[in-house]
Amino acid sequence: MNSFLISLAGSLVAAIVIALFGYFFSRTFRDLLVMIFSRLLGIGIDKIYKKSTDSNDDVSRAVEQAEFVKIFAPRGHTLSGEYVTRLSKKPKSVCHILLPSTNNDALYWIEQRASERTAPHKKEASDLINAINTTADSLSTYEKQGLLKLKRFNHPHIARLVITDKWVFFLPLKSGVRAMDCKMVKYSRCSFMYDFWNRYFDQIWDSIPD
């Protein structure tokens, strides 16, 4: 009996050591562990990206394959160039994009986000306003072609969201940290966080007149 318990304990210790080794030294193994435990707990996390830029290929692939796309973009610089080209490759039945309003009554949120940025990447509120308006102008061409619909929101710039019929890519924006250096979380549609962010987007969208 004692030898059996010792053998069992040894096996458990070995399994834990292997799991810890894999978690810290193998990104694939770490992603697999996160996915398994999040599914078991009902959290629905499919993947965590160390930097938002690490998610670019997965986001682009998800957008191309999606039946609908909803994007909440506090600045929108990712919605220019190649990304928008990929977005428009397959016309979606729904493609809704929310960008910040730059009207006077919405300037507080832009100024707040500008104050959160630190050197050497600090930008003035006027720089963010110009960047947002430039993105809006570039998207207007696609809107005229009926490829997407754009609205401007007056809400806190708390995150970047890309929502499809299968996934939510959630990027929380942190004070003093560039968006590209923040971790991105990918949630599956079976998760409560998918339902939360999808509803959050829809409520903001529906509150803004056409």
C-alpha atoms as a PDB file:
ATOM      1  CA  MET A   1       0.000   0.000   0.000  1.00  0.00           C
ATOM      2  CA  ASN A   2       2.794   2.382   0.967  1.00  0.00           C
ATOM      3  CA  SER A   3       4.683   1.661  -2.255  1.00  0.00           C
ATOM      4  CA  PHE A   4       1.497   2.385  -4.244  1.00  0.00           C
ATOM      5  CA  LEU A   5       0.995   5.736  -2.506  1.00  0.00           C
ATOM      6  CA  ILE A   6       4.641   6.641  -2.989  1.00  0.00           C
ATOM      7  CA  SER A   7       4.386   5.741  -6.680  1.00  0.00           C
ATOM      8  CA  LEU A   8       1.175   7.773  -7.037  1.00  0.00           C
ATOM      9  CA  ALA A   9       2.707  10.781  -5.281  1.00  0.00           C
ATOM     10  CA  GLY A  10       5.788  10.503  -7.473  1.00  0.00           C
ATOM     11  CA  SER A  11       3.637  10.438 -10.610  1.00  0.00           C
ATOM     12  CA  LEU A  12       1.701  13.513  -9.474  1.00  0.00           C
ATOM     13  CA  VAL A  13       4.889  15.424  -8.693  1.00  0.00           C
ATOM     14  CA  ALA A  14       6.345  14.462 -12.073  1.00  0.00           C
ATOM     15  CA  ALA A  15       3.161  15.570 -13.852  1.00  0.00           C
ATOM     16  CA  ILE A  16       3.206  18.907 -12.015  1.00  0.00           C
ATOM     17  CA  VAL A  17       6.881  19.467 -12.833  1.00  0.00           C
ATOM     18  CA  ILE A  18       6.277  18.659 -16.509  1.00  0.00           C
ATOM     19  CA  ALA A  19       3.237  20.965 -16.597  1.00  0.00           C
ATOM     20  CA  LEU A  20       5.170  23.813 -14.972  1.00  0.00           C
ATOM     21  CA  PHE A  21       8.124  23.289 -17.292  1.00  0.00           C
ATOM     22  CA  GLY A  22       5.834  23.278 -20.308  1.00  0.00           C
ATOM     23  CA  TYR A  23       3.945  26.344 -19.073  1.00  0.00           C
ATOM     24  CA  PHE A  24       7.037  28.473 -18.635  1.00  0.00           C
ATOM     25  CA  PHE A  25       9.114  27.240 -21.581  1.00  0.00           C
ATOM     26  CA  SER A  26       6.618  26.190 -24.263  1.00  0.00           C
ATOM     27  CA  ARG A  27       4.192  28.768 -25.623  1.00  0.00           C
ATOM     28  CA  THR A  28       2.109  26.107 -27.395  1.00  0.00           C
ATOM     29  CA  PHE A  29       1.825  24.016 -24.232  1.00  0.00           C
ATOM     30  CA  ARG A  30       0.953  27.118 -22.199  1.00  0.00           C
ATOM     31  CA  ASP A  31      -1.803  28.067 -24.639  1.00  0.00           C
ATOM     32  CA  LEU A  32      -3.154  24.519 -24.464  1.00  0.00           C
ATOM     33  CA  LEU A  33      -3.263  24.583 -20.650  1.00  0.00           C
ATOM     34  CA  VAL A  34      -5.015  27.968 -20.632  1.00  0.00           C
ATOM     35  CA  MET A  35      -7.610  26.735 -23.129  1.00  0.00           C
ATOM     36  CA  ILE A  36      -8.292  23.469 -21.260  1.00  0.00           C
ATOM     37  CA  PHE A  37      -8.697  25.042 -17.806  1.00  0.00           C
ATOM     38  CA  SER A  38     -10.722  28.009 -19.089  1.00  0.00           C
ATOM     39  CA  ARG A  39     -13.107  25.635 -20.847  1.00  0.00           C
ATOM     40  CA  LEU A  40     -13.431  23.511 -17.704  1.00  0.00           C
ATOM     41  CA  LEU A  41     -14.173  26.639 -15.634  1.00  0.00           C
ATOM     42  CA  GLY A  42     -16.537  28.092 -18.238  1.00  0.00           C
ATOM     43  CA  ILE A  43     -14.384  31.199 -18.787  1.00  0.00           C
ATOM     44  CA  GLY A  44     -13.970  30.544 -22.494  1.00  0.00           C
ATOM     45  CA  ILE A  45     -10.458  31.952 -22.930  1.00  0.00           C
ATOM     46  CA  ASP A  46      -9.040  30.458 -26.103  1.00  0.00           C
ATOM     47  CA  LYS A  47      -5.706  32.271 -26.115  1.00  0.00           C
ATOM     48  CA  ILE A  48      -3.753  35.055 -24.401  1.00  0.00           C
ATOM     49  CA  TYR A  49      -1.298  37.015 -26.524  1.00  0.00           C
ATOM     50  CA  LYS A  50       1.689  38.512 -24.735  1.00  0.00           C
ATOM     51  CA  LYS A  51       1.467  41.580 -26.989  1.00  0.00           C
ATOM     52  CA  SER A  52      -1.462  42.752 -29.087  1.00  0.00           C
ATOM     53  CA  THR A  53       0.726  42.650 -32.196  1.00  0.00           C
ATOM     54  CA  ASP A  54       1.105  38.882 -31.702  1.00  0.00           C
ATOM     55  CA  SER A  55      -2.617  38.531 -32.456  1.00  0.00           C
ATOM     56  CA  ASN A  56      -2.555  40.279 -35.857  1.00  0.00           C
ATOM     57  CA  ASP A  57      -2.615  37.136 -37.986  1.00  0.00           C
ATOM     58  CA  ASP A  58      -5.347  35.469 -35.906  1.00  0.00           C
ATOM     59  CA  VAL A  59      -7.508  38.615 -35.924  1.00  0.00           C
ATOM     60  CA  SER A  60      -7.138  39.014 -39.690  1.00  0.00           C
ATOM     61  CA  ARG A  61      -8.004  35.353 -40.257  1.00  0.00           C
ATOM     62  CA  ALA A  62     -11.045  35.577 -37.971  1.00  0.00           C
ATOM     63  CA  VAL A  63     -12.271  38.724 -39.751  1.00  0.00           C
ATOM     64  CA  GLU A  64     -11.899  37.169 -43.198  1.00  0.00           C
ATOM     65  CA  GLN A  65     -13.879  34.083 -42.155  1.00  0.00           C
ATOM     66  CA  ALA A  66     -16.573  35.881 -40.144  1.00  0.00           C
ATOM     67  CA  GLU A  67     -20.262  36.192 -40.917  1.00  0.00           C
ATOM     68  CA  PHE A  68     -20.285  39.524 -39.090  1.00  0.00           C
ATOM     69  CA  VAL A  69     -17.672  41.860 -37.659  1.00  0.00           C
ATOM     70  CA  LYS A  70     -18.002  44.503 -34.944  1.00  0.00           C
ATOM     71  CA  ILE A  71     -15.049  46.702 -34.057  1.00  0.00           C
ATOM     72  CA  PHE A  72     -14.703  49.118 -31.134  1.00  0.00           C
ATOM     73  CA  ALA A  73     -11.557  51.139 -31.843  1.00  0.00           C
ATOM     74  CA  PRO A  74     -10.521  53.955 -29.489  1.00  0.00           C
ATOM     75  CA  ARG A  75      -8.033  55.270 -32.008  1.00  0.00           C
ATOM     76  CA  GLY A  76      -8.464  53.196 -35.114  1.00  0.00           C
ATOM     77  CA  HIS A  77      -4.926  53.198 -36.493  1.00  0.00           C
ATOM     78  CA  THR A  78      -5.213  49.415 -36.975  1.00  0.00           C
ATOM     79  CA  LEU A  79      -8.115  50.030 -39.356  1.00  0.00           C
ATOM     80  CA  SER A  80      -5.970  51.500 -42.082  1.00  0.00           C
ATOM     81  CA  GLY A  81      -3.913  50.012 -44.867  1.00  0.00           C
ATOM     82  CA  GLU A  82      -3.638  46.235 -45.049  1.00  0.00           C
ATOM     83  CA  TYR A  83      -6.136  45.576 -42.240  1.00  0.00           C
ATOM     84  CA  VAL A  84      -8.981  47.389 -43.992  1.00  0.00           C
ATOM     85  CA  THR A  85      -8.066  45.628 -47.236  1.00  0.00           C
ATOM     86  CA  ARG A  86      -8.457  42.274 -45.500  1.00  0.00           C
ATOM     87  CA  LEU A  87     -11.657  43.469 -43.865  1.00  0.00           C
ATOM     88  CA  SER A  88     -13.181  44.198 -47.260  1.00  0.00           C
ATOM     89  CA  LYS A  89     -12.074  40.992 -49.003  1.00  0.00           C
ATOM     90  CA  LYS A  90     -15.247  39.154 -48.083  1.00  0.00           C
ATOM     91  CA  PRO A  91     -18.308  41.441 -47.841  1.00  0.00           C
ATOM     92  CA  LYS A  92     -19.999  40.829 -44.508  1.00  0.00           C
ATOM     93  CA  SER A  93     -23.726  40.869 -43.885  1.00  0.00           C
ATOM     94  CA  VAL A  94     -22.841  43.071 -40.903  1.00  0.00           C
ATOM     95  CA  CYS A  95     -19.660  45.101 -40.469  1.00  0.00           C
ATOM     96  CA  HIS A  96     -20.057  47.759 -37.805  1.00  0.00           C
ATOM     97  CA  ILE A  97     -17.215  49.987 -36.628  1.00  0.00           C
ATOM     98  CA  LEU A  98     -17.250  52.347 -33.659  1.00  0.00           C
ATOM     99  CA  LEU A  99     -14.688  55.172 -33.562  1.00  0.00           C
ATOM    100  CA  PRO A 100     -14.478  57.949 -30.957  1.00  0.00           C
ATOM    101  CA  SER A 101     -16.370  61.141 -31.598  1.00  0.00           C
ATOM    102  CA  THR A 102     -14.120  64.202 -31.819  1.00  0.00           C
ATOM    103  CA  ASN A 103     -16.909  66.679 -31.078  1.00  0.00           C
ATOM    104  CA  ASN A 104     -16.420  69.050 -28.147  1.00  0.00           C
ATOM    105  CA  ASP A 105     -18.665  67.025 -25.835  1.00  0.00           C
ATOM    106  CA  ALA A 106     -16.461  63.944 -26.356  1.00  0.00           C
ATOM    107  CA  LEU A 107     -13.053  65.570 -25.908  1.00  0.00           C
ATOM    108  CA  TYR A 108     -12.801  64.574 -22.239  1.00  0.00           C
ATOM    109  CA  TRP A 109     -12.239  60.906 -23.102  1.00  0.00           C
ATOM    110  CA  ILE A 110      -9.613  61.754 -25.731  1.00  0.00           C
ATOM    111  CA  GLU A 111      -7.780  64.036 -23.319  1.00  0.00           C
ATOM    112  CA  GLN A 112      -7.912  61.344 -20.642  1.00  0.00           C
ATOM    113  CA  ARG A 113      -6.382  58.749 -22.964  1.00  0.00           C
ATOM    114  CA  ALA A 114      -3.714  61.241 -24.077  1.00  0.00           C
ATOM    115  CA  SER A 115      -2.784  61.878 -20.433  1.00  0.00           C
ATOM    116  CA  GLU A 116      -2.316  58.135 -19.865  1.00  0.00           C
ATOM    117  CA  ARG A 117       0.405  57.864 -22.491  1.00  0.00           C
ATOM    118  CA  THR A 118       3.958  58.317 -21.280  1.00  0.00           C
ATOM    119  CA  ALA A 119       7.239  59.327 -22.942  1.00  0.00           C
ATOM    120  CA  PRO A 120       8.618  58.516 -25.436  1.00  0.00           C
ATOM    121  CA  HIS A 121       5.208  57.598 -26.872  1.00  0.00           C
ATOM    122  CA  LYS A 122       3.209  60.432 -25.363  1.00  0.00           C
ATOM    123  CA  LYS A 123       0.882  62.255 -27.746  1.00  0.00           C
ATOM    124  CA  GLU A 124      -1.179  65.381 -27.315  1.00  0.00           C
ATOM    125  CA  ALA A 125      -4.956  65.194 -27.529  1.00  0.00           C
ATOM    126  CA  SER A 126      -4.787  67.061 -30.825  1.00  0.00           C
ATOM    127  CA  ASP A 127      -2.570  64.293 -32.263  1.00  0.00           C
ATOM    128  CA  LEU A 128      -5.111  61.640 -31.261  1.00  0.00           C
ATOM    129  CA  ILE A 129      -7.942  63.693 -32.730  1.00  0.00           C
ATOM    130  CA  ASN A 130      -6.092  63.956 -36.038  1.00  0.00           C
ATOM    131  CA  ALA A 131      -5.388  60.214 -36.038  1.00  0.00           C
ATOM    132  CA  ILE A 132      -9.037  59.362 -35.319  1.00  0.00           C
ATOM    133  CA  ASN A 133     -10.355  61.700 -38.012  1.00  0.00           C
ATOM    134  CA  THR A 134      -7.824  60.389 -40.543  1.00  0.00           C
ATOM    135  CA  THR A 135      -9.028  56.841 -39.892  1.00  0.00           C
ATOM    136  CA  ALA A 136     -12.670  57.919 -40.188  1.00  0.00           C
ATOM    137  CA  ASP A 137     -11.954  59.593 -43.531  1.00  0.00           C
ATOM    138  CA  SER A 138     -10.221  56.468 -44.867  1.00  0.00           C
ATOM    139  CA  LEU A 139     -13.142  54.273 -43.761  1.00  0.00           C
ATOM    140  CA  SER A 140     -15.721  56.547 -45.399  1.00  0.00           C
ATOM    141  CA  THR A 141     -14.651  55.227 -48.824  1.00  0.00           C
ATOM    142  CA  TYR A 142     -15.535  51.684 -47.798  1.00  0.00           C
ATOM    143  CA  GLU A 143     -18.747  52.894 -46.183  1.00  0.00           C
ATOM    144  CA  LYS A 144     -19.847  54.493 -49.460  1.00  0.00           C
ATOM    145  CA  GLN A 145     -19.241  51.136 -51.151  1.00  0.00           C
ATOM    146  CA  GLY A 146     -21.575  49.489 -48.642  1.00  0.00           C
ATOM    147  CA  LEU A 147     -18.791  47.341 -47.149  1.00  0.00           C
ATOM    148  CA  LEU A 148     -19.187  48.665 -43.616  1.00  0.00           C
ATOM    149  CA  LYS A 149     -21.093  51.071 -41.408  1.00  0.00           C
ATOM    150  CA  LEU A 150     -19.352  53.600 -39.170  1.00  0.00           C
ATOM    151  CA  LYS A 151     -20.576  55.414 -36.077  1.00  0.00           C
ATOM    152  CA  ARG A 152     -18.780  57.712 -33.619  1.00  0.00           C
ATOM    153  CA  PHE A 153     -19.074  57.073 -29.874  1.00  0.00           C
ATOM    154  CA  ASN A 154     -18.799  59.247 -26.767  1.00  0.00           C
ATOM    155  CA  HIS A 155     -17.605  56.726 -24.177  1.00  0.00           C
ATOM    156  CA  PRO A 156     -14.417  55.896 -22.253  1.00  0.00           C
ATOM    157  CA  HIS A 157     -11.548  54.505 -24.340  1.00  0.00           C
ATOM    158  CA  ILE A 158     -11.193  51.425 -22.149  1.00  0.00           C
ATOM    159  CA  ALA A 159     -10.417  48.735 -24.701  1.00  0.00           C
ATOM    160  CA  ARG A 160     -10.123  47.669 -28.285  1.00  0.00           C
ATOM    161  CA  LEU A 161     -12.640  45.030 -29.360  1.00  0.00           C
ATOM    162  CA  VAL A 162     -12.939  42.893 -32.471  1.00  0.00           C
ATOM    163  CA  ILE A 163     -16.076  40.753 -32.340  1.00  0.00           C
ATOM    164  CA  THR A 164     -17.096  38.096 -34.852  1.00  0.00           C
ATOM    165  CA  ASP A 165     -19.717  35.359 -34.833  1.00  0.00           C
ATOM    166  CA  LYS A 166     -17.110  33.030 -33.267  1.00  0.00           C
ATOM    167  CA  TRP A 167     -14.648  35.148 -31.274  1.00  0.00           C
ATOM    168  CA  VAL A 168     -14.021  38.270 -29.245  1.00  0.00           C
ATOM    169  CA  PHE A 169     -10.525  39.751 -29.281  1.00  0.00           C
ATOM    170  CA  PHE A 170     -10.298  41.967 -26.200  1.00  0.00           C
ATOM    171  CA  LEU A 171      -7.440  44.405 -25.648  1.00  0.00           C
ATOM    172  CA  PRO A 172      -7.624  46.331 -22.340  1.00  0.00           C
ATOM    173  CA  LEU A 173      -5.891  49.710 -22.582  1.00  0.00           C
ATOM    174  CA  LYS A 174      -3.645  50.498 -19.619  1.00  0.00           C
ATOM    175  CA  SER A 175      -2.274  53.779 -18.342  1.00  0.00           C
ATOM    176  CA  GLY A 176       1.360  54.271 -19.265  1.00  0.00           C
ATOM    177  CA  VAL A 177       1.437  51.284 -21.620  1.00  0.00           C
ATOM    178  CA  ARG A 178       1.240  51.387 -25.402  1.00  0.00           C
ATOM    179  CA  ALA A 179      -1.683  49.444 -26.862  1.00  0.00           C
ATOM    180  CA  MET A 180       0.728  47.279 -28.865  1.00  0.00           C
ATOM    181  CA  ASP A 181       2.434  46.220 -25.616  1.00  0.00           C
ATOM    182  CA  CYS A 182      -0.788  45.245 -23.825  1.00  0.00           C
ATOM    183  CA  LYS A 183      -1.943  41.639 -23.657  1.00  0.00           C
ATOM    184  CA  MET A 184      -4.772  40.605 -25.976  1.00  0.00           C
ATOM    185  CA  VAL A 185      -7.310  37.974 -24.867  1.00  0.00           C
ATOM    186  CA  LYS A 186      -9.253  35.807 -27.299  1.00  0.00           C
ATOM    187  CA  TYR A 187     -12.638  34.559 -26.028  1.00  0.00           C
ATOM    188  CA  SER A 188     -14.806  31.940 -27.700  1.00  0.00           C
ATOM    189  CA  ARG A 189     -18.504  32.589 -28.270  1.00  0.00           C
ATOM    190  CA  CYS A 190     -19.419  30.005 -25.603  1.00  0.00           C
ATOM    191  CA  SER A 191     -18.012  32.297 -22.887  1.00  0.00           C
ATOM    192  CA  PHE A 192     -19.867  34.814 -20.735  1.00  0.00           C
ATOM    193  CA  MET A 193     -17.262  37.434 -21.699  1.00  0.00           C
ATOM    194  CA  TYR A 194     -18.271  37.032 -25.345  1.00  0.00           C
ATOM    195  CA  ASP A 195     -21.887  37.734 -24.395  1.00  0.00           C
ATOM    196  CA  PHE A 196     -20.834  40.685 -22.234  1.00  0.00           C
ATOM    197  CA  TRP A 197     -18.715  42.466 -24.863  1.00  0.00           C
ATOM    198  CA  ASN A 198     -21.132  41.696 -27.684  1.00  0.00           C
ATOM    199  CA  ARG A 199     -23.967  43.238 -25.664  1.00  0.00           C
ATOM    200  CA  TYR A 200     -21.759  46.181 -24.648  1.00  0.00           C
ATOM    201  CA  PHE A 201     -21.038  46.936 -28.301  1.00  0.00           C
ATOM    202  CA  ASP A 202     -24.679  46.566 -29.373  1.00  0.00           C
ATOM    203  CA  GLN A 203     -25.937  48.898 -26.647  1.00  0.00           C
ATOM    204  CA  ILE A 204     -23.492  51.621 -27.632  1.00  0.00           C
ATOM    205  CA  TRP A 205     -24.241  51.140 -31.323  1.00  0.00           C
ATOM    206  CA  ASP A 206     -28.018  51.262 -30.862  1.00  0.00           C
ATOM    207  CA  SER A 207     -27.760  54.422 -28.709  1.00  0.00           C
ATOM    208  CA  ILE A 208     -26.133  56.397 -31.543  1.00  0.00           C
ATOM    209  CA  PRO A 209     -28.500  57.797 -34.201  1.00  0.00           C
ATOM    210  CA  ASP A 210     -27.821  56.849 -37.832  1.00  0.00           C
END
